Amino acid sequence: MLKNVKLLYFFIIVSFFKIFRQKYRKILSFLIVKYPCYRYLFLVFLHSKMKVIFFKYQGTGNDFIMLDNVKGHYDELSVENISFLCNRKMGIGADGLIKLSAKKGYDFEVEYFNADGSQSFCGNGARCSVLFAEKLGLVKGGECSFLAIDGAHKAYINSGIVRLEMLPVTNLEKLNNDFIIDTGSPHFVRFEEKETENIIEFGKEIRYSERFKEEGINVNVVHLIKDNTIAVQTYERGVEDETLSCGTGVTACALVFRMKRPEIHRVDVQTKGGVLSVESDDYVEGIGFKNIWLSGPAKKVFDGSIEI
């Protein structure tokens, strides 16, 4: 009888570890050494699959896997896990993965990962995060503040349209007829007369050039459609491919366009996935751009679960 009680107690404890195996894997590893007689059972639970409950969102075709990490369930998600989940043939498929976490002093924190597991700021990902946070009850009265890898942001949401405050942009470099600008992620911007047919080839050429190959850079090609409307194609580092839209890239291109046309305060940007708009104060030499806002639609696509 006593032996059965001990076994029951043992399985209750191990079941708890199974649920939170990522968070408590160090404890499980310790128990394997401490109690070699139970080594096999601990190894089974340590290497058992974890169920990931996900939500798929997209912002003008830029798609993301969203995870509710408010209670820290996915704190120990590895780079390999993230790459697998973002893989379009073997996993769920996405341009990136976002963990929405609790953060003192803010409504939430946005942790963005590119498809290769590297981290950066993502404008469209941040906008989708605001919509996801509203679903989780973290957004009150249609407005919120959150922390991202590049700093604190404010955002407003109304009927699926998310207006996101971008950080001031001071780092802008002219490179011959091209521009290098950092809008939370670094971007190379080139203006052309029309859409390029080889954005992937051109993007790789710039991204893996001697200057940028170590840290990488996003590559954008821009052409004018009319007055205050431009079209943008983007090759994204981390995804290493063309994406249907890139929020930081759209912002970068719009700001460079505003330098050429300072009388235009709102720039509409056509991407392959939809239309975004960028507003800002005028460019000031030595200071850059302030009061920058990126606006556009965000939408939930589907949800589900997967074991990894």
Protein backbone atom coordinates (compact mmCIF):
# COMPACT_ATOMS: atom_id res chain seq x y z
CA MET A 1 0.00 0.00 0.00
CA LEU A 2 2.76 2.40 1.02
CA LYS A 3 4.66 1.56 -2.15
CA ASN A 4 1.60 2.38 -4.29
CA VAL A 5 1.17 5.74 -2.52
CA LYS A 6 4.82 6.58 -3.16
CA LEU A 7 4.46 5.70 -6.84
CA LEU A 8 1.31 7.83 -7.12
CA TYR A 9 3.09 10.75 -5.44
CA PHE A 10 6.04 10.25 -7.77
CA PHE A 11 3.91 10.33 -10.91
CA ILE A 12 2.05 13.46 -9.74
CA ILE A 13 5.37 15.27 -9.33
CA VAL A 14 6.75 14.05 -12.63
CA SER A 15 3.52 14.95 -14.43
CA PHE A 16 3.96 18.48 -13.14
CA PHE A 17 7.47 18.53 -14.55
CA LYS A 18 6.18 17.20 -17.86
CA ILE A 19 3.79 20.12 -18.23
CA PHE A 20 6.53 22.63 -17.49
CA ARG A 21 9.45 20.63 -18.78
CA GLN A 22 11.05 23.54 -20.65
CA LYS A 23 11.00 25.73 -17.55
CA TYR A 24 12.22 23.01 -15.19
CA ARG A 25 14.56 21.02 -17.41
CA LYS A 26 17.56 21.89 -15.18
CA ILE A 27 15.75 20.40 -12.18
CA LEU A 28 14.94 17.28 -14.17
CA SER A 29 18.59 16.96 -15.19
CA PHE A 30 19.60 17.22 -11.52
CA LEU A 31 17.08 14.54 -10.52
CA ILE A 32 18.51 12.18 -13.13
CA VAL A 33 21.88 12.37 -11.36
CA LYS A 34 20.44 12.41 -7.82
CA TYR A 35 18.11 9.45 -8.26
CA PRO A 36 19.69 7.09 -10.83
CA CYS A 37 17.10 4.39 -10.06
CA TYR A 38 14.47 6.62 -11.70
CA ARG A 39 16.82 7.71 -14.50
CA TYR A 40 14.77 6.16 -17.31
CA LEU A 41 11.48 7.76 -16.21
CA PHE A 42 13.08 11.19 -15.76
CA LEU A 43 14.71 10.94 -19.20
CA VAL A 44 11.37 10.05 -20.78
CA PHE A 45 9.73 13.15 -19.31
CA LEU A 46 12.74 15.37 -20.00
CA HIS A 47 12.66 14.50 -23.69
CA SER A 48 8.91 14.15 -24.08
CA LYS A 49 7.20 16.47 -26.54
CA MET A 50 5.79 19.82 -25.45
CA LYS A 51 2.41 21.01 -26.65
CA VAL A 52 2.53 24.56 -28.04
CA ILE A 53 -0.76 26.44 -28.28
CA PHE A 54 -0.37 29.09 -30.98
CA PHE A 55 -2.27 31.82 -32.77
CA LYS A 56 -1.47 32.86 -36.33
CA TYR A 57 -1.72 36.57 -37.18
CA GLN A 58 -0.83 38.65 -40.22
CA GLY A 59 -0.30 42.32 -40.92
CA THR A 60 -0.47 43.14 -44.67
CA GLY A 61 0.80 39.66 -45.45
CA ASN A 62 3.65 39.66 -42.92
CA ASP A 63 2.68 36.57 -40.89
CA PHE A 64 3.55 35.59 -37.34
CA ILE A 65 3.14 32.80 -34.81
CA MET A 66 1.84 34.37 -31.58
CA LEU A 67 2.40 32.72 -28.19
CA ASP A 68 0.74 33.69 -24.91
CA ASN A 69 3.77 33.77 -22.62
CA VAL A 70 2.24 35.89 -19.86
CA LYS A 71 2.79 33.06 -17.34
CA GLY A 72 6.19 32.15 -18.76
CA HIS A 73 5.20 28.82 -20.32
CA TYR A 74 7.48 29.40 -23.31
CA ASP A 75 10.43 31.11 -21.59
CA GLU A 76 12.84 28.34 -22.53
CA LEU A 77 11.79 27.96 -26.16
CA SER A 78 15.03 27.33 -28.06
CA VAL A 79 16.29 28.79 -31.34
CA GLU A 80 15.84 25.34 -32.85
CA ASN A 81 12.22 25.24 -31.62
CA ILE A 82 11.52 28.65 -33.14
CA SER A 83 13.14 27.78 -36.49
CA PHE A 84 11.10 24.58 -36.63
CA LEU A 85 7.81 26.33 -35.84
CA CYS A 86 8.45 29.00 -38.50
CA ASN A 87 9.40 26.43 -41.14
CA ARG A 88 6.70 26.48 -43.82
CA LYS A 89 7.19 22.85 -44.79
CA MET A 90 7.93 21.11 -41.48
CA GLY A 91 6.27 23.38 -38.90
CA ILE A 92 3.47 25.95 -38.79
CA GLY A 93 5.12 28.42 -41.15
CA ALA A 94 5.66 32.15 -40.57
CA ASP A 95 7.99 35.10 -41.16
CA GLY A 96 8.58 35.22 -37.41
CA LEU A 97 7.48 34.18 -33.93
CA ILE A 98 6.32 36.47 -31.12
CA LYS A 99 6.11 35.75 -27.40
CA LEU A 100 3.78 38.10 -25.56
CA SER A 101 5.06 38.30 -21.97
CA ALA A 102 4.27 40.16 -18.76
CA LYS A 103 6.44 43.20 -18.01
CA LYS A 104 6.29 45.41 -14.93
CA GLY A 105 5.48 49.02 -15.80
CA TYR A 106 3.96 48.09 -19.17
CA ASP A 107 0.84 46.39 -20.43
CA PHE A 108 3.01 43.64 -21.92
CA GLU A 109 6.35 42.86 -23.57
CA VAL A 110 6.85 41.87 -27.21
CA GLU A 111 9.67 39.40 -27.85
CA TYR A 112 10.11 39.04 -31.60
CA PHE A 113 12.14 36.30 -33.31
CA ASN A 114 12.92 36.06 -37.02
CA ALA A 115 12.32 32.74 -38.74
CA ASP A 116 15.97 31.78 -38.12
CA GLY A 117 15.64 32.46 -34.38
CA SER A 118 17.51 35.77 -34.36
CA GLN A 119 15.92 38.76 -32.60
CA SER A 120 15.08 42.26 -33.79
CA PHE A 121 12.23 44.77 -33.71
CA CYS A 122 9.38 44.16 -36.16
CA GLY A 123 6.83 46.87 -36.95
CA ASN A 124 4.14 44.60 -38.38
CA GLY A 125 4.85 42.04 -35.66
CA ALA A 126 4.35 44.74 -33.03
CA ARG A 127 1.06 45.78 -34.62
CA CYS A 128 -0.16 42.17 -34.65
CA SER A 129 0.97 41.86 -31.03
CA VAL A 130 -1.33 44.73 -30.05
CA LEU A 131 -4.31 42.95 -31.64
CA PHE A 132 -3.31 39.69 -29.91
CA ALA A 133 -2.89 41.51 -26.60
CA GLU A 134 -6.40 42.91 -26.96
CA LYS A 135 -7.69 39.35 -27.35
CA LEU A 136 -5.85 38.40 -24.14
CA GLY A 137 -7.44 41.32 -22.26
CA LEU A 138 -4.19 43.28 -21.93
CA VAL A 139 -5.34 46.31 -23.92
CA LYS A 140 -7.79 48.63 -22.17
CA GLY A 141 -9.74 51.39 -23.89
CA GLY A 142 -8.08 50.81 -27.25
CA GLU A 143 -4.61 51.94 -26.18
CA CYS A 144 -1.54 50.37 -24.62
CA SER A 145 2.16 50.67 -23.92
CA PHE A 146 4.62 47.83 -24.35
CA LEU A 147 8.32 47.09 -24.30
CA ALA A 148 10.19 45.69 -27.30
CA ILE A 149 13.86 45.00 -28.00
CA ASP A 150 14.42 48.58 -29.19
CA GLY A 151 12.57 50.27 -26.30
CA ALA A 152 9.09 51.41 -25.20
CA HIS A 153 6.21 51.93 -27.63
CA LYS A 154 2.63 53.20 -27.51
CA ALA A 155 -0.16 51.93 -29.74
CA TYR A 156 -3.84 52.49 -30.45
CA ILE A 157 -6.30 50.04 -31.95
CA ASN A 158 -9.68 50.65 -33.58
CA SER A 159 -11.64 48.12 -35.67
CA GLY A 160 -8.57 46.08 -36.53
CA ILE A 161 -6.46 49.08 -37.53
CA VAL A 162 -3.38 49.42 -35.32
CA ARG A 163 -1.54 52.74 -35.04
CA LEU A 164 1.94 52.14 -33.66
CA GLU A 165 4.37 54.72 -32.34
CA MET A 166 7.86 54.08 -33.68
CA LEU A 167 10.96 55.32 -31.90
CA PRO A 168 12.70 58.50 -33.13
CA VAL A 169 15.09 57.92 -36.03
CA THR A 170 18.45 59.63 -35.81
CA ASN A 171 20.70 57.18 -37.64
CA LEU A 172 20.44 57.98 -41.35
CA GLU A 173 23.31 57.69 -43.83
CA LYS A 174 23.46 58.56 -47.52
CA LEU A 175 25.45 56.00 -49.51
CA ASN A 176 25.91 57.33 -53.05
CA ASN A 177 22.27 57.48 -54.24
CA ASP A 178 21.05 54.99 -51.63
CA PHE A 179 20.23 55.34 -47.92
CA ILE A 180 20.98 53.41 -44.74
CA ILE A 181 18.42 54.02 -42.00
CA ASP A 182 17.58 52.30 -38.71
CA THR A 183 13.88 52.23 -37.76
CA GLY A 184 14.26 49.62 -35.02
CA SER A 185 15.93 47.33 -37.56
CA PRO A 186 18.58 48.43 -40.10
CA HIS A 187 17.43 49.06 -43.69
CA PHE A 188 19.05 49.72 -47.04
CA VAL A 189 16.79 51.85 -49.27
CA ARG A 190 17.10 52.31 -53.03
CA PHE A 191 14.74 54.34 -55.25
CA GLU A 192 13.99 53.05 -58.75
CA GLU A 193 11.72 54.13 -61.61
CA LYS A 194 9.69 50.92 -61.43
CA GLU A 195 9.33 47.62 -59.53
CA THR A 196 12.37 45.38 -59.68
CA GLU A 197 11.98 41.83 -60.96
CA ASN A 198 14.86 40.44 -58.91
CA ILE A 199 14.40 41.70 -55.33
CA ILE A 200 15.67 38.40 -53.86
CA GLU A 201 18.85 38.39 -55.95
CA PHE A 202 19.47 42.09 -55.29
CA GLY A 203 18.61 41.73 -51.61
CA LYS A 204 21.12 38.92 -51.12
CA GLU A 205 23.79 40.89 -52.98
CA ILE A 206 23.48 43.80 -50.52
CA ARG A 207 22.73 41.77 -47.37
CA TYR A 208 25.81 39.53 -47.85
CA SER A 209 28.13 42.27 -49.11
CA GLU A 210 31.37 42.86 -47.23
CA ARG A 211 29.96 45.72 -45.17
CA PHE A 212 26.73 44.02 -44.06
CA LYS A 213 27.41 40.27 -44.12
CA GLU A 214 28.19 39.96 -40.40
CA GLU A 215 25.11 41.59 -38.86
CA GLY A 216 22.95 41.65 -41.97
CA ILE A 217 20.61 44.34 -43.25
CA ASN A 218 17.09 44.47 -44.71
CA VAL A 219 16.97 45.61 -48.34
CA ASN A 220 14.19 47.74 -49.84
CA VAL A 221 13.46 48.91 -53.37
CA VAL A 222 11.04 51.84 -53.72
CA HIS A 223 9.22 53.45 -56.62
CA LEU A 224 6.71 56.28 -56.81
CA ILE A 225 3.07 55.51 -57.63
CA LYS A 226 1.55 58.98 -57.23
CA ASP A 227 1.98 62.14 -55.14
CA ASN A 228 2.08 60.77 -51.57
CA THR A 229 2.00 57.04 -52.46
CA ILE A 230 5.01 54.79 -52.93
CA ALA A 231 5.43 51.04 -53.49
CA VAL A 232 7.99 49.02 -51.53
CA GLN A 233 9.57 45.61 -52.04
CA THR A 234 11.58 44.17 -49.13
CA TYR A 235 14.13 41.41 -48.71
CA GLU A 236 14.30 40.62 -44.97
CA ARG A 237 17.35 39.38 -43.11
CA GLY A 238 16.50 36.54 -40.74
CA VAL A 239 13.83 35.38 -43.17
CA GLU A 240 16.40 35.56 -46.01
CA ASP A 241 13.68 36.02 -48.59
CA GLU A 242 11.21 38.58 -49.89
CA THR A 243 8.28 39.19 -47.56
CA LEU A 244 4.87 40.52 -48.56
CA SER A 245 5.34 43.45 -46.19
CA CYS A 246 7.80 44.82 -43.62
CA GLY A 247 6.71 47.46 -41.11
CA THR A 248 10.15 48.83 -40.27
CA GLY A 249 11.02 48.72 -43.99
CA VAL A 250 7.88 50.62 -44.94
CA THR A 251 8.71 53.20 -42.26
CA ALA A 252 12.30 53.52 -43.46
CA CYS A 253 11.23 54.06 -47.08
CA ALA A 254 8.51 56.55 -46.15
CA LEU A 255 10.94 58.63 -44.07
CA VAL A 256 13.52 58.73 -46.86
CA PHE A 257 10.72 59.75 -49.26
CA ARG A 258 9.73 62.51 -46.83
CA MET A 259 13.29 63.85 -47.00
CA LYS A 260 12.82 64.17 -50.76
CA ARG A 261 9.28 65.56 -50.40
CA PRO A 262 9.13 67.38 -47.02
CA GLU A 263 5.74 68.97 -47.82
CA ILE A 264 4.12 65.51 -47.56
CA HIS A 265 3.36 64.60 -43.92
CA ARG A 266 1.54 61.31 -44.52
CA VAL A 267 2.94 58.71 -46.89
CA ASP A 268 0.81 55.79 -48.08
CA VAL A 269 2.86 52.70 -48.84
CA GLN A 270 1.73 49.89 -51.13
CA THR A 271 3.24 46.49 -50.35
CA LYS A 272 2.44 43.16 -51.95
CA GLY A 273 0.34 42.36 -48.88
CA GLY A 274 -1.61 45.60 -48.55
CA VAL A 275 -1.39 49.30 -47.75
CA LEU A 276 0.24 50.92 -44.70
CA SER A 277 0.65 54.59 -43.84
CA VAL A 278 3.47 56.48 -42.13
CA GLU A 279 3.26 59.91 -40.51
CA SER A 280 6.01 61.94 -38.83
CA ASP A 281 7.28 65.37 -37.95
CA ASP A 282 9.60 67.06 -40.44
CA TYR A 283 13.20 65.94 -40.72
CA VAL A 284 15.63 68.13 -38.76
CA GLU A 285 19.32 68.04 -39.62
CA GLY A 286 21.33 66.56 -36.75
CA ILE A 287 18.17 65.35 -34.99
CA GLY A 288 16.35 63.21 -37.55
CA PHE A 289 12.68 62.25 -37.41
CA LYS A 290 10.39 62.31 -34.37
CA ASN A 291 6.72 61.53 -33.70
CA ILE A 292 6.66 58.63 -36.18
CA TRP A 293 3.51 56.54 -36.52
CA LEU A 294 2.97 53.37 -38.55
CA SER A 295 -0.68 52.46 -39.22
CA GLY A 296 -2.45 49.61 -40.94
CA PRO A 297 -4.59 46.48 -40.58
CA ALA A 298 -3.80 43.40 -38.50
CA LYS A 299 -5.81 40.20 -38.50
CA LYS A 300 -6.03 36.82 -36.80
CA VAL A 301 -5.81 34.00 -39.36
CA PHE A 302 -6.24 30.83 -37.30
CA ASP A 303 -5.16 29.08 -34.10
CA GLY A 304 -4.14 25.57 -33.16
CA SER A 305 -1.62 23.43 -31.32
CA ILE A 306 1.50 21.51 -32.23
CA GLU A 307 3.89 19.21 -30.38
CA ILE A 308 7.63 19.88 -30.45
